[in-house]
Amino acid sequence: MKPTKHTTLDIPACHEVQIHYKRALYDTTLKISTSQSAETMFREFADTERLDYKEFFWVMLLTNANQVIAISEVSVGCTHGTLVNIKEIVQLALLTNASNVIICHNHPSGQLTKSASDDTTTQRIKGALGLFDIKLLDHIILTTESYTSFSDEDWL
């Protein structure tokens, strides 16, 4: 008896992928209209007791009307940096059907100036999201005392 060959196109080997998403009621979602409203939202989400301890990176996913769909922590690092998985940010945006994104990270040093790494990461995220017609609206840098906005500073 001759063994049967299985190919990658066999029906039993196929798996189905489904996306389930239900938008929150329009009147119950918060709207982001300024960098300050985004900063306030990130501060409510973040553990502010740890901002001086290590670096964190968050993403805020927004509708086309800039209403908050969700906030997610995508990276935790050490006192002088964190590695950001850009693919995870794009996945979150696609799975939530986000039209706009705001990213945020903290500087445990307390300095509000952007680093070369901050700039590179921002441009890479902007480019990756742009491939899917998702707009990066801002990148916020938080410290315990204050914040700075890439949009407000015309760095974006």
N, C-alpha and C. Protein backbone atom coordinates (compact mmCIF):
# COMPACT_ATOMS: atom_id res chain seq x y z
N MET A 1 0.84 -1.17 0.00
CA MET A 1 0.00 0.00 0.00
C MET A 1 0.89 1.24 0.00
N LYS A 2 0.56 2.16 -0.84
CA LYS A 2 1.34 3.37 -1.03
C LYS A 2 0.90 4.42 0.01
N PRO A 3 1.86 5.06 0.75
CA PRO A 3 1.47 6.09 1.73
C PRO A 3 0.90 7.32 1.04
N THR A 4 -0.08 7.93 1.67
CA THR A 4 -0.67 9.13 1.08
C THR A 4 0.17 10.34 1.44
N LYS A 5 0.29 11.22 0.49
CA LYS A 5 1.04 12.46 0.72
C LYS A 5 0.09 13.54 1.20
N HIS A 6 0.53 14.31 2.17
CA HIS A 6 -0.24 15.46 2.65
C HIS A 6 0.46 16.73 2.20
N THR A 7 -0.30 17.62 1.67
CA THR A 7 0.27 18.90 1.25
C THR A 7 -0.22 20.00 2.19
N THR A 8 0.37 21.15 2.06
CA THR A 8 -0.04 22.28 2.90
C THR A 8 -1.42 22.79 2.54
N LEU A 9 -1.99 22.31 1.43
CA LEU A 9 -3.30 22.77 1.00
C LEU A 9 -4.42 21.84 1.46
N ASP A 10 -4.09 20.80 2.22
CA ASP A 10 -5.13 19.90 2.72
C ASP A 10 -6.11 20.67 3.60
N ILE A 11 -7.39 20.45 3.35
CA ILE A 11 -8.44 21.15 4.09
C ILE A 11 -8.35 20.91 5.59
N PRO A 12 -8.14 19.67 6.08
CA PRO A 12 -8.07 19.48 7.53
C PRO A 12 -6.92 20.26 8.20
N ALA A 13 -5.90 20.62 7.43
CA ALA A 13 -4.77 21.35 8.00
C ALA A 13 -5.00 22.85 8.06
N CYS A 14 -6.08 23.33 7.42
CA CYS A 14 -6.36 24.76 7.41
C CYS A 14 -7.00 25.20 8.72
N HIS A 15 -6.73 26.42 9.10
CA HIS A 15 -7.32 27.00 10.30
C HIS A 15 -8.02 28.28 9.92
N GLU A 16 -9.07 28.58 10.64
CA GLU A 16 -9.84 29.78 10.35
C GLU A 16 -9.44 30.88 11.32
N VAL A 17 -9.31 32.08 10.81
CA VAL A 17 -9.00 33.25 11.62
C VAL A 17 -10.21 34.17 11.59
N GLN A 18 -10.66 34.58 12.77
CA GLN A 18 -11.77 35.51 12.86
C GLN A 18 -11.39 36.66 13.76
N ILE A 19 -11.94 37.81 13.47
CA ILE A 19 -11.73 38.98 14.32
C ILE A 19 -13.08 39.38 14.89
N HIS A 20 -13.14 39.50 16.20
CA HIS A 20 -14.37 39.94 16.86
C HIS A 20 -14.07 41.25 17.56
N TYR A 21 -14.81 42.27 17.21
CA TYR A 21 -14.63 43.57 17.84
C TYR A 21 -15.97 44.26 17.94
N LYS A 22 -16.29 44.74 19.10
CA LYS A 22 -17.52 45.49 19.29
C LYS A 22 -17.14 46.84 19.87
N ARG A 23 -17.45 47.88 19.15
CA ARG A 23 -17.14 49.24 19.57
C ARG A 23 -17.98 49.60 20.78
N ALA A 24 -17.39 50.35 21.70
CA ALA A 24 -18.12 50.86 22.85
C ALA A 24 -19.15 51.88 22.38
N LEU A 25 -20.15 52.11 23.18
CA LEU A 25 -21.16 53.10 22.82
C LEU A 25 -20.51 54.46 22.62
N TYR A 26 -20.89 55.14 21.57
CA TYR A 26 -20.27 56.40 21.17
C TYR A 26 -20.23 57.42 22.31
N ASP A 27 -21.32 57.57 23.04
CA ASP A 27 -21.40 58.58 24.09
C ASP A 27 -20.58 58.24 25.33
N THR A 28 -20.10 57.01 25.45
CA THR A 28 -19.38 56.61 26.65
C THR A 28 -17.86 56.68 26.48
N THR A 29 -17.38 56.91 25.27
CA THR A 29 -15.94 56.93 25.06
C THR A 29 -15.38 58.34 25.23
N LEU A 30 -14.16 58.41 25.73
CA LEU A 30 -13.50 59.69 25.91
C LEU A 30 -12.84 60.13 24.61
N LYS A 31 -12.86 61.43 24.38
CA LYS A 31 -12.28 61.98 23.15
C LYS A 31 -10.99 62.72 23.48
N ILE A 32 -9.99 62.51 22.63
CA ILE A 32 -8.70 63.19 22.76
C ILE A 32 -8.71 64.37 21.79
N SER A 33 -8.53 65.57 22.33
CA SER A 33 -8.54 66.76 21.47
C SER A 33 -7.23 67.53 21.50
N THR A 34 -6.41 67.29 22.52
CA THR A 34 -5.13 68.00 22.64
C THR A 34 -4.07 67.03 23.19
N SER A 35 -2.83 67.46 23.12
CA SER A 35 -1.77 66.65 23.73
C SER A 35 -1.97 66.55 25.24
N GLN A 36 -2.53 67.60 25.83
CA GLN A 36 -2.77 67.58 27.28
C GLN A 36 -3.83 66.54 27.65
N SER A 37 -4.87 66.41 26.84
CA SER A 37 -5.89 65.39 27.15
C SER A 37 -5.31 63.99 26.97
N ALA A 38 -4.40 63.80 26.01
CA ALA A 38 -3.73 62.51 25.84
C ALA A 38 -2.81 62.23 27.03
N GLU A 39 -2.06 63.24 27.44
CA GLU A 39 -1.16 63.09 28.59
C GLU A 39 -1.94 62.72 29.85
N THR A 40 -3.07 63.35 30.07
CA THR A 40 -3.91 63.05 31.23
C THR A 40 -4.38 61.60 31.19
N MET A 41 -4.81 61.15 30.03
CA MET A 41 -5.28 59.77 29.87
C MET A 41 -4.16 58.77 30.12
N PHE A 42 -2.96 59.04 29.59
CA PHE A 42 -1.83 58.13 29.83
C PHE A 42 -1.48 58.10 31.32
N ARG A 43 -1.51 59.23 31.99
CA ARG A 43 -1.21 59.27 33.43
C ARG A 43 -2.22 58.47 34.24
N GLU A 44 -3.48 58.50 33.82
CA GLU A 44 -4.50 57.71 34.51
C GLU A 44 -4.26 56.22 34.31
N PHE A 45 -3.72 55.83 33.17
CA PHE A 45 -3.46 54.43 32.86
C PHE A 45 -2.17 53.93 33.50
N ALA A 46 -1.14 54.75 33.48
CA ALA A 46 0.19 54.34 33.94
C ALA A 46 0.27 54.28 35.46
N ASP A 47 1.21 53.49 35.94
CA ASP A 47 1.52 53.46 37.37
C ASP A 47 2.52 54.59 37.62
N THR A 48 2.02 55.76 38.00
CA THR A 48 2.86 56.95 38.14
C THR A 48 3.91 56.81 39.23
N GLU A 49 3.73 55.87 40.13
CA GLU A 49 4.74 55.62 41.18
C GLU A 49 6.02 55.02 40.59
N ARG A 50 5.93 54.49 39.37
CA ARG A 50 7.08 53.81 38.77
C ARG A 50 7.72 54.58 37.63
N LEU A 51 7.25 55.80 37.34
CA LEU A 51 7.78 56.56 36.21
C LEU A 51 9.26 56.90 36.37
N ASP A 52 9.74 57.04 37.58
CA ASP A 52 11.15 57.35 37.81
C ASP A 52 12.00 56.09 37.99
N TYR A 53 11.37 54.94 37.91
CA TYR A 53 12.04 53.67 38.19
C TYR A 53 12.57 52.99 36.92
N LYS A 54 11.70 52.90 35.91
CA LYS A 54 12.11 52.27 34.65
C LYS A 54 11.28 52.84 33.52
N GLU A 55 11.70 52.56 32.28
CA GLU A 55 11.02 53.12 31.12
C GLU A 55 9.89 52.19 30.65
N PHE A 56 8.75 52.80 30.34
CA PHE A 56 7.57 52.10 29.84
C PHE A 56 7.18 52.71 28.50
N PHE A 57 6.50 51.93 27.67
CA PHE A 57 6.02 52.41 26.38
C PHE A 57 4.57 51.97 26.22
N TRP A 58 3.70 52.94 25.91
CA TRP A 58 2.26 52.67 25.78
C TRP A 58 1.77 53.13 24.41
N VAL A 59 0.64 52.56 24.00
CA VAL A 59 -0.03 52.97 22.77
C VAL A 59 -1.50 53.23 23.08
N MET A 60 -2.01 54.34 22.56
CA MET A 60 -3.43 54.68 22.67
C MET A 60 -4.04 54.51 21.29
N LEU A 61 -5.09 53.73 21.21
CA LEU A 61 -5.76 53.43 19.95
C LEU A 61 -7.04 54.26 19.88
N LEU A 62 -7.22 54.95 18.76
CA LEU A 62 -8.32 55.92 18.63
C LEU A 62 -9.16 55.66 17.38
N THR A 63 -10.42 56.09 17.46
CA THR A 63 -11.29 56.05 16.29
C THR A 63 -10.93 57.20 15.36
N ASN A 64 -11.63 57.30 14.26
CA ASN A 64 -11.43 58.40 13.32
C ASN A 64 -11.82 59.74 13.95
N ALA A 65 -12.72 59.69 14.95
CA ALA A 65 -13.14 60.90 15.67
C ALA A 65 -12.29 61.13 16.93
N ASN A 66 -11.16 60.43 17.03
CA ASN A 66 -10.22 60.54 18.15
C ASN A 66 -10.82 60.15 19.49
N GLN A 67 -11.75 59.21 19.46
CA GLN A 67 -12.28 58.65 20.70
C GLN A 67 -11.43 57.46 21.09
N VAL A 68 -11.17 57.32 22.38
CA VAL A 68 -10.27 56.28 22.87
C VAL A 68 -10.95 54.92 22.77
N ILE A 69 -10.30 54.01 22.04
CA ILE A 69 -10.73 52.62 21.97
C ILE A 69 -10.08 51.86 23.12
N ALA A 70 -8.76 52.03 23.26
CA ALA A 70 -8.02 51.29 24.27
C ALA A 70 -6.64 51.90 24.45
N ILE A 71 -6.02 51.55 25.58
CA ILE A 71 -4.61 51.87 25.84
C ILE A 71 -3.94 50.56 26.21
N SER A 72 -2.73 50.35 25.70
CA SER A 72 -2.01 49.13 25.99
C SER A 72 -0.56 49.44 26.32
N GLU A 73 -0.03 48.74 27.30
CA GLU A 73 1.40 48.82 27.60
C GLU A 73 2.10 47.81 26.69
N VAL A 74 2.99 48.29 25.85
CA VAL A 74 3.64 47.41 24.87
C VAL A 74 5.09 47.09 25.21
N SER A 75 5.65 47.79 26.19
CA SER A 75 7.04 47.52 26.51
C SER A 75 7.40 48.04 27.89
N VAL A 76 8.25 47.28 28.58
CA VAL A 76 8.81 47.69 29.86
C VAL A 76 10.31 47.46 29.77
N GLY A 77 11.08 48.46 30.11
CA GLY A 77 12.53 48.34 29.98
C GLY A 77 13.25 48.52 31.30
N CYS A 78 14.35 49.26 31.25
CA CYS A 78 15.15 49.54 32.43
C CYS A 78 15.23 51.06 32.60
N THR A 79 16.15 51.53 33.40
CA THR A 79 16.22 52.96 33.69
C THR A 79 16.65 53.80 32.49
N HIS A 80 17.27 53.21 31.50
CA HIS A 80 17.77 54.01 30.38
C HIS A 80 17.23 53.58 29.01
N GLY A 81 16.15 52.82 28.97
CA GLY A 81 15.58 52.49 27.67
C GLY A 81 14.65 51.30 27.71
N THR A 82 13.94 51.13 26.61
CA THR A 82 13.06 49.98 26.42
C THR A 82 13.00 49.65 24.94
N LEU A 83 12.84 48.39 24.62
CA LEU A 83 12.72 47.95 23.23
C LEU A 83 11.25 47.90 22.86
N VAL A 84 10.91 48.47 21.71
CA VAL A 84 9.52 48.55 21.27
C VAL A 84 9.31 47.60 20.10
N ASN A 85 8.30 46.75 20.21
CA ASN A 85 7.93 45.83 19.14
C ASN A 85 6.91 46.54 18.26
N ILE A 86 7.36 47.07 17.14
CA ILE A 86 6.48 47.84 16.24
C ILE A 86 5.38 46.95 15.67
N LYS A 87 5.68 45.69 15.44
CA LYS A 87 4.67 44.77 14.92
C LYS A 87 3.49 44.66 15.90
N GLU A 88 3.76 44.65 17.19
CA GLU A 88 2.69 44.58 18.19
C GLU A 88 1.80 45.81 18.14
N ILE A 89 2.39 46.97 17.93
CA ILE A 89 1.61 48.21 17.84
C ILE A 89 0.69 48.16 16.62
N VAL A 90 1.22 47.71 15.49
CA VAL A 90 0.41 47.60 14.28
C VAL A 90 -0.70 46.56 14.47
N GLN A 91 -0.38 45.43 15.10
CA GLN A 91 -1.39 44.40 15.36
C GLN A 91 -2.52 44.95 16.22
N LEU A 92 -2.18 45.66 17.28
CA LEU A 92 -3.21 46.24 18.15
C LEU A 92 -4.09 47.22 17.39
N ALA A 93 -3.48 48.03 16.54
CA ALA A 93 -4.25 49.00 15.76
C ALA A 93 -5.19 48.30 14.78
N LEU A 94 -4.70 47.27 14.14
CA LEU A 94 -5.54 46.54 13.18
C LEU A 94 -6.66 45.77 13.87
N LEU A 95 -6.34 45.11 14.98
CA LEU A 95 -7.35 44.30 15.68
C LEU A 95 -8.46 45.15 16.31
N THR A 96 -8.16 46.40 16.63
CA THR A 96 -9.18 47.27 17.22
C THR A 96 -9.80 48.19 16.18
N ASN A 97 -9.38 48.07 14.93
CA ASN A 97 -9.87 48.91 13.84
C ASN A 97 -9.60 50.39 14.10
N ALA A 98 -8.47 50.68 14.71
CA ALA A 98 -8.10 52.06 15.02
C ALA A 98 -7.77 52.83 13.75
N SER A 99 -8.16 54.09 13.72
CA SER A 99 -7.81 54.97 12.61
C SER A 99 -6.63 55.86 12.96
N ASN A 100 -6.47 56.13 14.26
CA ASN A 100 -5.41 57.00 14.75
C ASN A 100 -4.74 56.36 15.96
N VAL A 101 -3.49 56.73 16.18
CA VAL A 101 -2.70 56.18 17.29
C VAL A 101 -1.90 57.30 17.93
N ILE A 102 -1.77 57.24 19.24
CA ILE A 102 -0.84 58.11 19.97
C ILE A 102 0.04 57.18 20.79
N ILE A 103 1.35 57.41 20.71
CA ILE A 103 2.28 56.61 21.49
C ILE A 103 2.85 57.47 22.61
N CYS A 104 3.34 56.79 23.63
CA CYS A 104 3.84 57.51 24.80
C CYS A 104 4.89 56.66 25.50
N HIS A 105 5.91 57.31 26.01
CA HIS A 105 6.86 56.63 26.89
C HIS A 105 7.36 57.63 27.93
N ASN A 106 7.96 57.13 28.95
CA ASN A 106 8.46 57.99 30.02
C ASN A 106 9.98 58.04 30.00
N HIS A 107 10.51 59.11 30.58
CA HIS A 107 11.95 59.25 30.79
C HIS A 107 12.20 59.27 32.30
N PRO A 108 12.71 58.16 32.85
CA PRO A 108 12.99 58.12 34.29
C PRO A 108 13.99 59.19 34.74
N SER A 109 14.80 59.68 33.81
CA SER A 109 15.79 60.71 34.14
C SER A 109 15.14 62.04 34.48
N GLY A 110 13.91 62.24 34.05
CA GLY A 110 13.22 63.51 34.26
C GLY A 110 13.43 64.51 33.14
N GLN A 111 14.26 64.16 32.15
CA GLN A 111 14.52 65.07 31.02
C GLN A 111 13.43 64.92 29.96
N LEU A 112 12.97 66.03 29.44
CA LEU A 112 11.90 66.03 28.45
C LEU A 112 12.40 66.13 27.01
N THR A 113 13.70 66.15 26.82
CA THR A 113 14.24 66.23 25.46
C THR A 113 14.20 64.86 24.81
N LYS A 114 13.92 64.82 23.52
CA LYS A 114 13.87 63.55 22.80
C LYS A 114 15.29 63.08 22.50
N SER A 115 15.46 61.79 22.46
CA SER A 115 16.75 61.21 22.08
C SER A 115 16.71 60.83 20.60
N ALA A 116 17.85 60.49 20.05
CA ALA A 116 17.91 60.02 18.66
C ALA A 116 17.10 58.74 18.52
N SER A 117 17.14 57.89 19.54
CA SER A 117 16.37 56.65 19.54
C SER A 117 14.87 56.93 19.55
N ASP A 118 14.45 57.93 20.33
CA ASP A 118 13.03 58.33 20.36
C ASP A 118 12.57 58.74 18.97
N ASP A 119 13.40 59.53 18.29
CA ASP A 119 13.07 60.02 16.96
C ASP A 119 12.99 58.88 15.95
N THR A 120 13.97 57.99 15.98
CA THR A 120 13.99 56.84 15.06
C THR A 120 12.79 55.94 15.27
N THR A 121 12.51 55.62 16.52
CA THR A 121 11.37 54.75 16.85
C THR A 121 10.06 55.38 16.38
N THR A 122 9.90 56.67 16.61
CA THR A 122 8.69 57.38 16.19
C THR A 122 8.51 57.30 14.68
N GLN A 123 9.56 57.55 13.92
CA GLN A 123 9.47 57.53 12.46
C GLN A 123 9.18 56.12 11.94
N ARG A 124 9.75 55.11 12.58
CA ARG A 124 9.49 53.72 12.16
C ARG A 124 8.04 53.33 12.43
N ILE A 125 7.52 53.73 13.58
CA ILE A 125 6.13 53.43 13.92
C ILE A 125 5.20 54.18 12.97
N LYS A 126 5.49 55.44 12.72
CA LYS A 126 4.68 56.25 11.80
C LYS A 126 4.63 55.61 10.42
N GLY A 127 5.77 55.15 9.93
CA GLY A 127 5.84 54.51 8.61
C GLY A 127 5.07 53.20 8.57
N ALA A 128 5.22 52.38 9.60
CA ALA A 128 4.53 51.08 9.64
C ALA A 128 3.01 51.28 9.69
N LEU A 129 2.55 52.19 10.52
CA LEU A 129 1.11 52.46 10.61
C LEU A 129 0.59 53.06 9.30
N GLY A 130 1.39 53.91 8.67
CA GLY A 130 0.99 54.56 7.43
C GLY A 130 0.71 53.57 6.31
N LEU A 131 1.36 52.43 6.34
CA LEU A 131 1.11 51.40 5.33
C LEU A 131 -0.34 50.92 5.36
N PHE A 132 -0.98 51.07 6.52
CA PHE A 132 -2.37 50.63 6.69
C PHE A 132 -3.33 51.81 6.84
N ASP A 133 -2.89 52.99 6.43
CA ASP A 133 -3.71 54.19 6.49
C ASP A 133 -4.14 54.52 7.92
N ILE A 134 -3.24 54.25 8.86
CA ILE A 134 -3.46 54.59 10.26
C ILE A 134 -2.50 55.74 10.59
N LYS A 135 -3.04 56.80 11.16
CA LYS A 135 -2.23 57.99 11.39
C LYS A 135 -1.66 58.02 12.81
N LEU A 136 -0.36 58.29 12.91
CA LEU A 136 0.27 58.53 14.20
C LEU A 136 0.09 60.01 14.51
N LEU A 137 -0.75 60.31 15.51
CA LEU A 137 -1.07 61.70 15.83
C LEU A 137 -0.04 62.37 16.71
N ASP A 138 0.58 61.60 17.62
CA ASP A 138 1.50 62.23 18.56
C ASP A 138 2.36 61.17 19.24
N HIS A 139 3.46 61.62 19.80
CA HIS A 139 4.32 60.82 20.68
C HIS A 139 4.57 61.69 21.90
N ILE A 140 4.11 61.22 23.05
CA ILE A 140 4.21 61.96 24.29
C ILE A 140 5.37 61.39 25.11
N ILE A 141 6.20 62.27 25.67
CA ILE A 141 7.23 61.86 26.62
C ILE A 141 6.79 62.35 27.99
N LEU A 142 6.67 61.42 28.93
CA LEU A 142 6.23 61.75 30.30
C LEU A 142 7.40 61.76 31.27
N THR A 143 7.33 62.64 32.24
CA THR A 143 8.15 62.56 33.45
C THR A 143 7.17 62.73 34.60
N THR A 144 7.64 62.55 35.83
CA THR A 144 6.72 62.73 36.95
C THR A 144 6.24 64.17 37.06
N GLU A 145 7.03 65.12 36.59
CA GLU A 145 6.67 66.53 36.72
C GLU A 145 5.90 67.10 35.53
N SER A 146 6.16 66.60 34.32
CA SER A 146 5.61 67.26 33.15
C SER A 146 5.57 66.30 31.96
N TYR A 147 5.40 66.85 30.78
CA TYR A 147 5.41 66.07 29.54
C TYR A 147 5.83 66.96 28.38
N THR A 148 6.18 66.32 27.28
CA THR A 148 6.39 67.04 26.02
C THR A 148 5.71 66.25 24.91
N SER A 149 5.31 66.94 23.87
CA SER A 149 4.57 66.35 22.78
C SER A 149 5.32 66.56 21.47
N PHE A 150 5.54 65.48 20.73
CA PHE A 150 6.19 65.60 19.42
C PHE A 150 5.37 66.49 18.49
N SER A 151 4.05 66.37 18.55
CA SER A 151 3.19 67.20 17.70
C SER A 151 3.30 68.67 18.05
N ASP A 152 3.21 68.98 19.34
CA ASP A 152 3.30 70.37 19.79
C ASP A 152 4.63 71.02 19.42
N GLU A 153 5.70 70.22 19.43
CA GLU A 153 7.05 70.71 19.13
C GLU A 153 7.38 70.65 17.64
N ASP A 154 6.44 70.20 16.82
CA ASP A 154 6.66 69.99 15.38
C ASP A 154 7.79 69.01 15.09
N TRP A 155 7.91 67.97 15.90
CA TRP A 155 8.91 66.93 15.69
C TRP A 155 8.34 65.77 14.90
N LEU A 156 7.03 65.73 14.74
CA LEU A 156 6.38 64.61 14.08
C LEU A 156 6.25 64.92 12.60
